[in-house]
Amino acid sequence: LKSLEMLRAADNELSGLIPTDLGKLTKLEYVYLEDNNFSGEIPPELAELTKLKTMHLHNSGLSGNMPPEICNLKDQFFLIELTADCTEVICDCCACDN
């Protein structure tokens, strides 16, 4: 798993919290977790994915604030595409998809 570059788990009715250990998969470039039934907030550990180019989190049941560490990845031009439900997730750096 440590060499995994893409995680496509969209539209799988996943629930619960997003595991913080996902941040240990540091070769991930693409994360698709949209259209699930997660709860809670987006873990700041996802900011450890410094090769991340795309992360889709819209329509996933998440709430709270987008961790600023993740927005920093976008500010540093690593993260190109970041989507979330802007009515549920407070995010200044996200493309809204509601």
PDB file of N, CA and C in Angstrom:
ATOM      1  N   LEU A   1       0.806  -1.209   0.000  1.00  0.00           N
ATOM      2  CA  LEU A   1       0.000   0.000   0.000  1.00  0.00           C
ATOM      3  C   LEU A   1       0.848   1.272   0.000  1.00  0.00           C
ATOM      4  N   LYS A   2       2.057   1.189   0.504  1.00  0.00           N
ATOM      5  CA  LYS A   2       2.875   2.396   0.608  1.00  0.00           C
ATOM      6  C   LYS A   2       3.201   3.007  -0.747  1.00  0.00           C
ATOM      7  N   SER A   3       3.108   2.230  -1.823  1.00  0.00           N
ATOM      8  CA  SER A   3       3.391   2.764  -3.158  1.00  0.00           C
ATOM      9  C   SER A   3       2.118   3.145  -3.910  1.00  0.00           C
ATOM     10  N   LEU A   4       0.968   3.087  -3.254  1.00  0.00           N
ATOM     11  CA  LEU A   4      -0.313   3.412  -3.872  1.00  0.00           C
ATOM     12  C   LEU A   4      -0.332   4.871  -4.317  1.00  0.00           C
ATOM     13  N   GLU A   5      -0.683   5.112  -5.576  1.00  0.00           N
ATOM     14  CA  GLU A   5      -0.737   6.470  -6.119  1.00  0.00           C
ATOM     15  C   GLU A   5      -2.157   6.981  -6.297  1.00  0.00           C
ATOM     16  N   MET A   6      -3.146   6.079  -6.402  1.00  0.00           N
ATOM     17  CA  MET A   6      -4.531   6.494  -6.572  1.00  0.00           C
ATOM     18  C   MET A   6      -5.430   5.658  -5.662  1.00  0.00           C
ATOM     19  N   LEU A   7      -6.312   6.354  -4.946  1.00  0.00           N
ATOM     20  CA  LEU A   7      -7.322   5.702  -4.122  1.00  0.00           C
ATOM     21  C   LEU A   7      -8.676   6.143  -4.642  1.00  0.00           C
ATOM     22  N   ARG A   8      -9.394   5.218  -5.248  1.00  0.00           N
ATOM     23  CA  ARG A   8     -10.720   5.512  -5.786  1.00  0.00           C
ATOM     24  C   ARG A   8     -11.724   4.691  -4.985  1.00  0.00           C
ATOM     25  N   ALA A   9     -12.356   5.353  -4.010  1.00  0.00           N
ATOM     26  CA  ALA A   9     -13.345   4.703  -3.160  1.00  0.00           C
ATOM     27  C   ALA A   9     -14.655   5.482  -3.183  1.00  0.00           C
ATOM     28  N   ALA A  10     -14.908   6.157  -4.283  1.00  0.00           N
ATOM     29  CA  ALA A  10     -16.128   6.962  -4.422  1.00  0.00           C
ATOM     30  C   ALA A  10     -17.348   6.061  -4.571  1.00  0.00           C
ATOM     31  N   ASP A  11     -18.471   6.564  -4.086  1.00  0.00           N
ATOM     32  CA  ASP A  11     -19.772   5.923  -4.287  1.00  0.00           C
ATOM     33  C   ASP A  11     -19.778   4.478  -3.782  1.00  0.00           C
ATOM     34  N   ASN A  12     -19.272   4.291  -2.559  1.00  0.00           N
ATOM     35  CA  ASN A  12     -19.203   2.955  -1.971  1.00  0.00           C
ATOM     36  C   ASN A  12     -19.967   2.834  -0.660  1.00  0.00           C
ATOM     37  N   GLU A  13     -20.722   3.860  -0.293  1.00  0.00           N
ATOM     38  CA  GLU A  13     -21.481   3.864   0.955  1.00  0.00           C
ATOM     39  C   GLU A  13     -20.585   3.641   2.172  1.00  0.00           C
ATOM     40  N   LEU A  14     -19.350   4.122   2.095  1.00  0.00           N
ATOM     41  CA  LEU A  14     -18.442   4.043   3.238  1.00  0.00           C
ATOM     42  C   LEU A  14     -18.950   4.961   4.340  1.00  0.00           C
ATOM     43  N   SER A  15     -18.766   4.565   5.586  1.00  0.00           N
ATOM     44  CA  SER A  15     -19.246   5.381   6.703  1.00  0.00           C
ATOM     45  C   SER A  15     -18.178   5.438   7.793  1.00  0.00           C
ATOM     46  N   GLY A  16     -18.448   6.268   8.786  1.00  0.00           N
ATOM     47  CA  GLY A  16     -17.497   6.457   9.876  1.00  0.00           C
ATOM     48  C   GLY A  16     -16.524   7.573   9.546  1.00  0.00           C
ATOM     49  N   LEU A  17     -15.447   7.611  10.271  1.00  0.00           N
ATOM     50  CA  LEU A  17     -14.429   8.642  10.081  1.00  0.00           C
ATOM     51  C   LEU A  17     -13.464   8.237   8.969  1.00  0.00           C
ATOM     52  N   ILE A  18     -12.899   9.228   8.295  1.00  0.00           N
ATOM     53  CA  ILE A  18     -11.813   8.939   7.364  1.00  0.00           C
ATOM     54  C   ILE A  18     -10.596   8.574   8.215  1.00  0.00           C
ATOM     55  N   PRO A  19      -9.985   7.422   7.978  1.00  0.00           N
ATOM     56  CA  PRO A  19      -8.848   7.007   8.806  1.00  0.00           C
ATOM     57  C   PRO A  19      -7.675   7.987   8.712  1.00  0.00           C
ATOM     58  N   THR A  20      -7.135   8.351   9.842  1.00  0.00           N
ATOM     59  CA  THR A  20      -5.985   9.263   9.850  1.00  0.00           C
ATOM     60  C   THR A  20      -4.757   8.605   9.227  1.00  0.00           C
ATOM     61  N   ASP A  21      -4.689   7.283   9.258  1.00  0.00           N
ATOM     62  CA  ASP A  21      -3.552   6.565   8.662  1.00  0.00           C
ATOM     63  C   ASP A  21      -3.472   6.739   7.152  1.00  0.00           C
ATOM     64  N   LEU A  22      -4.526   7.237   6.553  1.00  0.00           N
ATOM     65  CA  LEU A  22      -4.486   7.517   5.115  1.00  0.00           C
ATOM     66  C   LEU A  22      -3.346   8.491   4.804  1.00  0.00           C
ATOM     67  N   GLY A  23      -3.031   9.352   5.758  1.00  0.00           N
ATOM     68  CA  GLY A  23      -1.938  10.306   5.591  1.00  0.00           C
ATOM     69  C   GLY A  23      -0.561   9.653   5.504  1.00  0.00           C
ATOM     70  N   LYS A  24      -0.471   8.384   5.855  1.00  0.00           N
ATOM     71  CA  LYS A  24       0.808   7.672   5.776  1.00  0.00           C
ATOM     72  C   LYS A  24       1.090   7.123   4.381  1.00  0.00           C
ATOM     73  N   LEU A  25       0.096   7.165   3.518  1.00  0.00           N
ATOM     74  CA  LEU A  25       0.279   6.683   2.138  1.00  0.00           C
ATOM     75  C   LEU A  25       0.812   7.833   1.300  1.00  0.00           C
ATOM     76  N   THR A  26       2.044   8.194   1.549  1.00  0.00           N
ATOM     77  CA  THR A  26       2.617   9.448   1.056  1.00  0.00           C
ATOM     78  C   THR A  26       2.854   9.500  -0.449  1.00  0.00           C
ATOM     79  N   LYS A  27       2.648   8.415  -1.162  1.00  0.00           N
ATOM     80  CA  LYS A  27       2.789   8.449  -2.623  1.00  0.00           C
ATOM     81  C   LYS A  27       1.465   8.736  -3.316  1.00  0.00           C
ATOM     82  N   LEU A  28       0.380   8.847  -2.527  1.00  0.00           N
ATOM     83  CA  LEU A  28      -0.929   9.117  -3.120  1.00  0.00           C
ATOM     84  C   LEU A  28      -0.927  10.449  -3.867  1.00  0.00           C
ATOM     85  N   GLU A  29      -1.417  10.420  -5.086  1.00  0.00           N
ATOM     86  CA  GLU A  29      -1.566  11.625  -5.899  1.00  0.00           C
ATOM     87  C   GLU A  29      -3.030  11.952  -6.146  1.00  0.00           C
ATOM     88  N   TYR A  30      -3.882  10.927  -6.108  1.00  0.00           N
ATOM     89  CA  TYR A  30      -5.303  11.109  -6.418  1.00  0.00           C
ATOM     90  C   TYR A  30      -6.130  10.377  -5.375  1.00  0.00           C
ATOM     91  N   VAL A  31      -7.041  11.114  -4.722  1.00  0.00           N
ATOM     92  CA  VAL A  31      -7.924  10.540  -3.712  1.00  0.00           C
ATOM     93  C   VAL A  31      -9.361  10.912  -4.072  1.00  0.00           C
ATOM     94  N   TYR A  32     -10.169   9.886  -4.303  1.00  0.00           N
ATOM     95  CA  TYR A  32     -11.574  10.081  -4.655  1.00  0.00           C
ATOM     96  C   TYR A  32     -12.426   9.412  -3.581  1.00  0.00           C
ATOM     97  N   LEU A  33     -12.983  10.211  -2.691  1.00  0.00           N
ATOM     98  CA  LEU A  33     -13.806   9.705  -1.598  1.00  0.00           C
ATOM     99  C   LEU A  33     -15.220  10.286  -1.646  1.00  0.00           C
ATOM    100  N   GLU A  34     -15.588  10.890  -2.753  1.00  0.00           N
ATOM    101  CA  GLU A  34     -16.895  11.522  -2.847  1.00  0.00           C
ATOM    102  C   GLU A  34     -18.024  10.486  -2.871  1.00  0.00           C
ATOM    103  N   ASP A  35     -19.234  10.982  -2.604  1.00  0.00           N
ATOM    104  CA  ASP A  35     -20.453  10.162  -2.648  1.00  0.00           C
ATOM    105  C   ASP A  35     -20.399   8.976  -1.691  1.00  0.00           C
ATOM    106  N   ASN A  36     -20.038   9.256  -0.439  1.00  0.00           N
ATOM    107  CA  ASN A  36     -20.036   8.263   0.627  1.00  0.00           C
ATOM    108  C   ASN A  36     -20.806   8.812   1.822  1.00  0.00           C
ATOM    109  N   ASN A  37     -20.789   8.107   2.925  1.00  0.00           N
ATOM    110  CA  ASN A  37     -21.537   8.491   4.128  1.00  0.00           C
ATOM    111  C   ASN A  37     -20.623   8.664   5.332  1.00  0.00           C
ATOM    112  N   PHE A  38     -19.500   9.331   5.140  1.00  0.00           N
ATOM    113  CA  PHE A  38     -18.566   9.558   6.239  1.00  0.00           C
ATOM    114  C   PHE A  38     -19.197  10.475   7.281  1.00  0.00           C
ATOM    115  N   SER A  39     -18.590  10.546   8.437  1.00  0.00           N
ATOM    116  CA  SER A  39     -19.009  11.481   9.482  1.00  0.00           C
ATOM    117  C   SER A  39     -17.759  12.164  10.016  1.00  0.00           C
ATOM    118  N   GLY A  40     -17.989  13.260  10.708  1.00  0.00           N
ATOM    119  CA  GLY A  40     -16.876  13.965  11.321  1.00  0.00           C
ATOM    120  C   GLY A  40     -16.179  14.924  10.376  1.00  0.00           C
ATOM    121  N   GLU A  41     -14.987  15.298  10.775  1.00  0.00           N
ATOM    122  CA  GLU A  41     -14.218  16.295  10.035  1.00  0.00           C
ATOM    123  C   GLU A  41     -13.136  15.634   9.181  1.00  0.00           C
ATOM    124  N   ILE A  42     -12.576  16.420   8.297  1.00  0.00           N
ATOM    125  CA  ILE A  42     -11.493  15.967   7.438  1.00  0.00           C
ATOM    126  C   ILE A  42     -10.218  15.944   8.273  1.00  0.00           C
ATOM    127  N   PRO A  43      -9.559  14.798   8.359  1.00  0.00           N
ATOM    128  CA  PRO A  43      -8.374  14.723   9.224  1.00  0.00           C
ATOM    129  C   PRO A  43      -7.202  15.546   8.685  1.00  0.00           C
ATOM    130  N   PRO A  44      -6.549  16.329   9.537  1.00  0.00           N
ATOM    131  CA  PRO A  44      -5.402  17.128   9.093  1.00  0.00           C
ATOM    132  C   PRO A  44      -4.241  16.266   8.618  1.00  0.00           C
ATOM    133  N   GLU A  45      -4.217  14.997   9.003  1.00  0.00           N
ATOM    134  CA  GLU A  45      -3.144  14.095   8.574  1.00  0.00           C
ATOM    135  C   GLU A  45      -3.103  13.938   7.051  1.00  0.00           C
ATOM    136  N   LEU A  46      -4.205  14.240   6.379  1.00  0.00           N
ATOM    137  CA  LEU A  46      -4.217  14.154   4.912  1.00  0.00           C
ATOM    138  C   LEU A  46      -3.252  15.162   4.292  1.00  0.00           C
ATOM    139  N   ALA A  47      -2.857  16.172   5.053  1.00  0.00           N
ATOM    140  CA  ALA A  47      -1.878  17.146   4.554  1.00  0.00           C
ATOM    141  C   ALA A  47      -0.492  16.529   4.416  1.00  0.00           C
ATOM    142  N   GLU A  48      -0.297  15.345   4.970  1.00  0.00           N
ATOM    143  CA  GLU A  48       0.981  14.644   4.815  1.00  0.00           C
ATOM    144  C   GLU A  48       1.126  14.057   3.409  1.00  0.00           C
ATOM    145  N   LEU A  49       0.041  14.108   2.637  1.00  0.00           N
ATOM    146  CA  LEU A  49       0.065  13.601   1.257  1.00  0.00           C
ATOM    147  C   LEU A  49       0.617  14.695   0.348  1.00  0.00           C
ATOM    148  N   THR A  50       1.888  14.928   0.434  1.00  0.00           N
ATOM    149  CA  THR A  50       2.500  16.069  -0.255  1.00  0.00           C
ATOM    150  C   THR A  50       2.593  15.900  -1.762  1.00  0.00           C
ATOM    151  N   LYS A  51       2.306  14.711  -2.290  1.00  0.00           N
ATOM    152  CA  LYS A  51       2.283  14.514  -3.748  1.00  0.00           C
ATOM    153  C   LYS A  51       0.872  14.622  -4.302  1.00  0.00           C
ATOM    154  N   LEU A  52      -0.086  14.924  -3.428  1.00  0.00           N
ATOM    155  CA  LEU A  52      -1.492  14.966  -3.793  1.00  0.00           C
ATOM    156  C   LEU A  52      -1.772  16.015  -4.855  1.00  0.00           C
ATOM    157  N   LYS A  53      -2.440  15.614  -5.919  1.00  0.00           N
ATOM    158  CA  LYS A  53      -2.831  16.527  -6.990  1.00  0.00           C
ATOM    159  C   LYS A  53      -4.332  16.750  -7.022  1.00  0.00           C
ATOM    160  N   THR A  54      -5.098  15.714  -6.667  1.00  0.00           N
ATOM    161  CA  THR A  54      -6.556  15.784  -6.713  1.00  0.00           C
ATOM    162  C   THR A  54      -7.134  15.090  -5.490  1.00  0.00           C
ATOM    163  N   MET A  55      -8.105  15.763  -4.837  1.00  0.00           N
ATOM    164  CA  MET A  55      -8.846  15.134  -3.742  1.00  0.00           C
ATOM    165  C   MET A  55     -10.307  15.563  -3.842  1.00  0.00           C
ATOM    166  N   HIS A  56     -11.188  14.590  -4.026  1.00  0.00           N
ATOM    167  CA  HIS A  56     -12.627  14.848  -4.106  1.00  0.00           C
ATOM    168  C   HIS A  56     -13.289  14.354  -2.826  1.00  0.00           C
ATOM    169  N   LEU A  57     -13.917  15.266  -2.111  1.00  0.00           N
ATOM    170  CA  LEU A  57     -14.582  14.946  -0.848  1.00  0.00           C
ATOM    171  C   LEU A  57     -16.049  15.374  -0.838  1.00  0.00           C
ATOM    172  N   HIS A  58     -16.573  15.815  -1.983  1.00  0.00           N
ATOM    173  CA  HIS A  58     -17.944  16.320  -2.012  1.00  0.00           C
ATOM    174  C   HIS A  58     -18.965  15.184  -1.850  1.00  0.00           C
ATOM    175  N   ASN A  59     -20.127  15.576  -1.345  1.00  0.00           N
ATOM    176  CA  ASN A  59     -21.240  14.656  -1.128  1.00  0.00           C
ATOM    177  C   ASN A  59     -20.800  13.437  -0.313  1.00  0.00           C
ATOM    178  N   SER A  60     -20.054  13.698   0.746  1.00  0.00           N
ATOM    179  CA  SER A  60     -19.469  12.600   1.511  1.00  0.00           C
ATOM    180  C   SER A  60     -19.869  12.588   2.984  1.00  0.00           C
ATOM    181  N   GLY A  61     -20.667  13.563   3.416  1.00  0.00           N
ATOM    182  CA  GLY A  61     -21.118  13.598   4.803  1.00  0.00           C
ATOM    183  C   GLY A  61     -20.158  14.273   5.771  1.00  0.00           C
ATOM    184  N   LEU A  62     -19.051  14.777   5.275  1.00  0.00           N
ATOM    185  CA  LEU A  62     -18.070  15.432   6.146  1.00  0.00           C
ATOM    186  C   LEU A  62     -18.528  16.831   6.529  1.00  0.00           C
ATOM    187  N   SER A  63     -18.032  17.341   7.640  1.00  0.00           N
ATOM    188  CA  SER A  63     -18.408  18.682   8.092  1.00  0.00           C
ATOM    189  C   SER A  63     -17.214  19.318   8.788  1.00  0.00           C
ATOM    190  N   GLY A  64     -17.412  20.550   9.227  1.00  0.00           N
ATOM    191  CA  GLY A  64     -16.348  21.251   9.948  1.00  0.00           C
ATOM    192  C   GLY A  64     -15.501  22.102   9.033  1.00  0.00           C
ATOM    193  N   ASN A  65     -14.275  22.310   9.412  1.00  0.00           N
ATOM    194  CA  ASN A  65     -13.334  23.141   8.659  1.00  0.00           C
ATOM    195  C   ASN A  65     -12.353  22.281   7.878  1.00  0.00           C
ATOM    196  N   MET A  66     -12.036  22.732   6.674  1.00  0.00           N
ATOM    197  CA  MET A  66     -10.944  22.102   5.941  1.00  0.00           C
ATOM    198  C   MET A  66      -9.661  22.455   6.689  1.00  0.00           C
ATOM    199  N   PRO A  67      -8.866  21.479   7.069  1.00  0.00           N
ATOM    200  CA  PRO A  67      -7.627  21.803   7.775  1.00  0.00           C
ATOM    201  C   PRO A  67      -6.755  22.746   6.942  1.00  0.00           C
ATOM    202  N   PRO A  68      -6.244  23.804   7.553  1.00  0.00           N
ATOM    203  CA  PRO A  68      -5.415  24.758   6.808  1.00  0.00           C
ATOM    204  C   PRO A  68      -4.182  24.115   6.192  1.00  0.00           C
ATOM    205  N   GLU A  69      -3.706  23.030   6.811  1.00  0.00           N
ATOM    206  CA  GLU A  69      -2.544  22.336   6.263  1.00  0.00           C
ATOM    207  C   GLU A  69      -2.834  21.783   4.865  1.00  0.00           C
ATOM    208  N   ILE A  70      -4.082  21.383   4.640  1.00  0.00           N
ATOM    209  CA  ILE A  70      -4.468  20.879   3.313  1.00  0.00           C
ATOM    210  C   ILE A  70      -4.549  22.035   2.329  1.00  0.00           C
ATOM    211  N   CYS A  71      -5.115  23.156   2.753  1.00  0.00           N
ATOM    212  CA  CYS A  71      -5.149  24.334   1.880  1.00  0.00           C
ATOM    213  C   CYS A  71      -3.740  24.798   1.536  1.00  0.00           C
ATOM    214  N   ASN A  72      -2.797  24.618   2.464  1.00  0.00           N
ATOM    215  CA  ASN A  72      -1.404  24.995   2.182  1.00  0.00           C
ATOM    216  C   ASN A  72      -0.848  24.205   1.013  1.00  0.00           C
ATOM    217  N   LEU A  73      -1.254  22.946   0.862  1.00  0.00           N
ATOM    218  CA  LEU A  73      -0.814  22.155  -0.281  1.00  0.00           C
ATOM    219  C   LEU A  73      -1.274  22.807  -1.584  1.00  0.00           C
ATOM    220  N   LYS A  74      -2.472  23.370  -1.552  1.00  0.00           N
ATOM    221  CA  LYS A  74      -2.992  24.044  -2.745  1.00  0.00           C
ATOM    222  C   LYS A  74      -2.226  25.345  -2.986  1.00  0.00           C
ATOM    223  N   ASP A  75      -1.936  26.049  -1.912  1.00  0.00           N
ATOM    224  CA  ASP A  75      -1.178  27.302  -2.034  1.00  0.00           C
ATOM    225  C   ASP A  75       0.227  27.067  -2.574  1.00  0.00           C
ATOM    226  N   GLN A  76       0.768  25.881  -2.323  1.00  0.00           N
ATOM    227  CA  GLN A  76       2.116  25.559  -2.784  1.00  0.00           C
ATOM    228  C   GLN A  76       2.101  24.924  -4.180  1.00  0.00           C
ATOM    229  N   PHE A  77       0.927  24.909  -4.805  1.00  0.00           N
ATOM    230  CA  PHE A  77       0.746  24.418  -6.177  1.00  0.00           C
ATOM    231  C   PHE A  77       0.931  22.921  -6.338  1.00  0.00           C
ATOM    232  N   PHE A  78       0.882  22.178  -5.257  1.00  0.00           N
ATOM    233  CA  PHE A  78       0.911  20.718  -5.374  1.00  0.00           C
ATOM    234  C   PHE A  78      -0.497  20.221  -5.657  1.00  0.00           C
ATOM    235  N   LEU A  79      -1.405  20.600  -4.787  1.00  0.00           N
ATOM    236  CA  LEU A  79      -2.799  20.181  -4.894  1.00  0.00           C
ATOM    237  C   LEU A  79      -3.506  21.081  -5.897  1.00  0.00           C
ATOM    238  N   ILE A  80      -3.949  20.485  -6.993  1.00  0.00           N
ATOM    239  CA  ILE A  80      -4.560  21.260  -8.071  1.00  0.00           C
ATOM    240  C   ILE A  80      -6.074  21.292  -7.946  1.00  0.00           C
ATOM    241  N   GLU A  81      -6.675  20.160  -7.571  1.00  0.00           N
ATOM    242  CA  GLU A  81      -8.131  20.059  -7.531  1.00  0.00           C
ATOM    243  C   GLU A  81      -8.581  19.539  -6.174  1.00  0.00           C
ATOM    244  N   LEU A  82      -9.392  20.329  -5.487  1.00  0.00           N
ATOM    245  CA  LEU A  82      -9.919  19.972  -4.172  1.00  0.00           C
ATOM    246  C   LEU A  82     -11.390  20.324  -4.144  1.00  0.00           C
ATOM    247  N   THR A  83     -12.256  19.319  -3.982  1.00  0.00           N
ATOM    248  CA  THR A  83     -13.694  19.591  -3.920  1.00  0.00           C
ATOM    249  C   THR A  83     -14.241  19.159  -2.576  1.00  0.00           C
ATOM    250  N   ALA A  84     -15.273  19.884  -2.135  1.00  0.00           N
ATOM    251  CA  ALA A  84     -15.954  19.575  -0.873  1.00  0.00           C
ATOM    252  C   ALA A  84     -17.350  20.182  -0.934  1.00  0.00           C
ATOM    253  N   ASP A  85     -18.201  19.785   0.007  1.00  0.00           N
ATOM    254  CA  ASP A  85     -19.522  20.396   0.147  1.00  0.00           C
ATOM    255  C   ASP A  85     -19.355  21.684   0.937  1.00  0.00           C
ATOM    256  N   CYS A  86     -19.397  22.793   0.265  1.00  0.00           N
ATOM    257  CA  CYS A  86     -19.111  24.069   0.936  1.00  0.00           C
ATOM    258  C   CYS A  86     -20.232  24.514   1.864  1.00  0.00           C
ATOM    259  N   THR A  87     -21.382  23.843   1.832  1.00  0.00           N
ATOM    260  CA  THR A  87     -22.417  24.145   2.817  1.00  0.00           C
ATOM    261  C   THR A  87     -22.159  23.401   4.125  1.00  0.00           C
ATOM    262  N   GLU A  88     -21.346  22.367   4.087  1.00  0.00           N
ATOM    263  CA  GLU A  88     -21.037  21.565   5.268  1.00  0.00           C
ATOM    264  C   GLU A  88     -19.591  21.743   5.739  1.00  0.00           C
ATOM    265  N   VAL A  89     -18.689  21.958   4.802  1.00  0.00           N
ATOM    266  CA  VAL A  89     -17.270  22.095   5.108  1.00  0.00           C
ATOM    267  C   VAL A  89     -16.851  23.532   4.825  1.00  0.00           C
ATOM    268  N   ILE A  90     -16.323  24.201   5.821  1.00  0.00           N
ATOM    269  CA  ILE A  90     -15.829  25.561   5.637  1.00  0.00           C
ATOM    270  C   ILE A  90     -14.460  25.458   4.981  1.00  0.00           C
ATOM    271  N   CYS A  91     -14.378  25.992   3.762  1.00  0.00           N
ATOM    272  CA  CYS A  91     -13.152  25.799   3.000  1.00  0.00           C
ATOM    273  C   CYS A  91     -12.949  26.962   2.032  1.00  0.00           C
ATOM    274  N   ASP A  92     -11.914  27.729   2.267  1.00  0.00           N
ATOM    275  CA  ASP A  92     -11.599  28.852   1.384  1.00  0.00           C
ATOM    276  C   ASP A  92     -10.845  28.416   0.143  1.00  0.00           C
ATOM    277  N   CYS A  93     -10.311  27.215   0.140  1.00  0.00           N
ATOM    278  CA  CYS A  93      -9.477  26.766  -0.974  1.00  0.00           C
ATOM    279  C   CYS A  93     -10.131  25.691  -1.827  1.00  0.00           C
ATOM    280  N   CYS A  94     -11.387  25.363  -1.539  1.00  0.00           N
ATOM    281  CA  CYS A  94     -12.073  24.274  -2.240  1.00  0.00           C
ATOM    282  C   CYS A  94     -12.914  24.777  -3.400  1.00  0.00           C
ATOM    283  N   ALA A  95     -13.077  23.917  -4.375  1.00  0.00           N
ATOM    284  CA  ALA A  95     -14.112  24.123  -5.386  1.00  0.00           C
ATOM    285  C   ALA A  95     -15.378  23.522  -4.777  1.00  0.00           C
ATOM    286  N   CYS A  96     -16.447  24.300  -4.761  1.00  0.00           N
ATOM    287  CA  CYS A  96     -17.686  23.831  -4.147  1.00  0.00           C
ATOM    288  C   CYS A  96     -18.439  22.939  -5.107  1.00  0.00           C
ATOM    289  N   ASP A  97     -18.947  21.862  -4.576  1.00  0.00           N
ATOM    290  CA  ASP A  97     -19.738  20.928  -5.363  1.00  0.00           C
ATOM    291  C   ASP A  97     -20.931  20.549  -4.527  1.00  0.00           C
ATOM    292  N   ASN A  98     -22.017  21.308  -4.658  1.00  0.00           N
ATOM    293  CA  ASN A  98     -23.221  20.982  -3.888  1.00  0.00           C
ATOM    294  C   ASN A  98     -24.395  20.946  -4.824  1.00  0.00           C
TER     295      ASN A  98
END
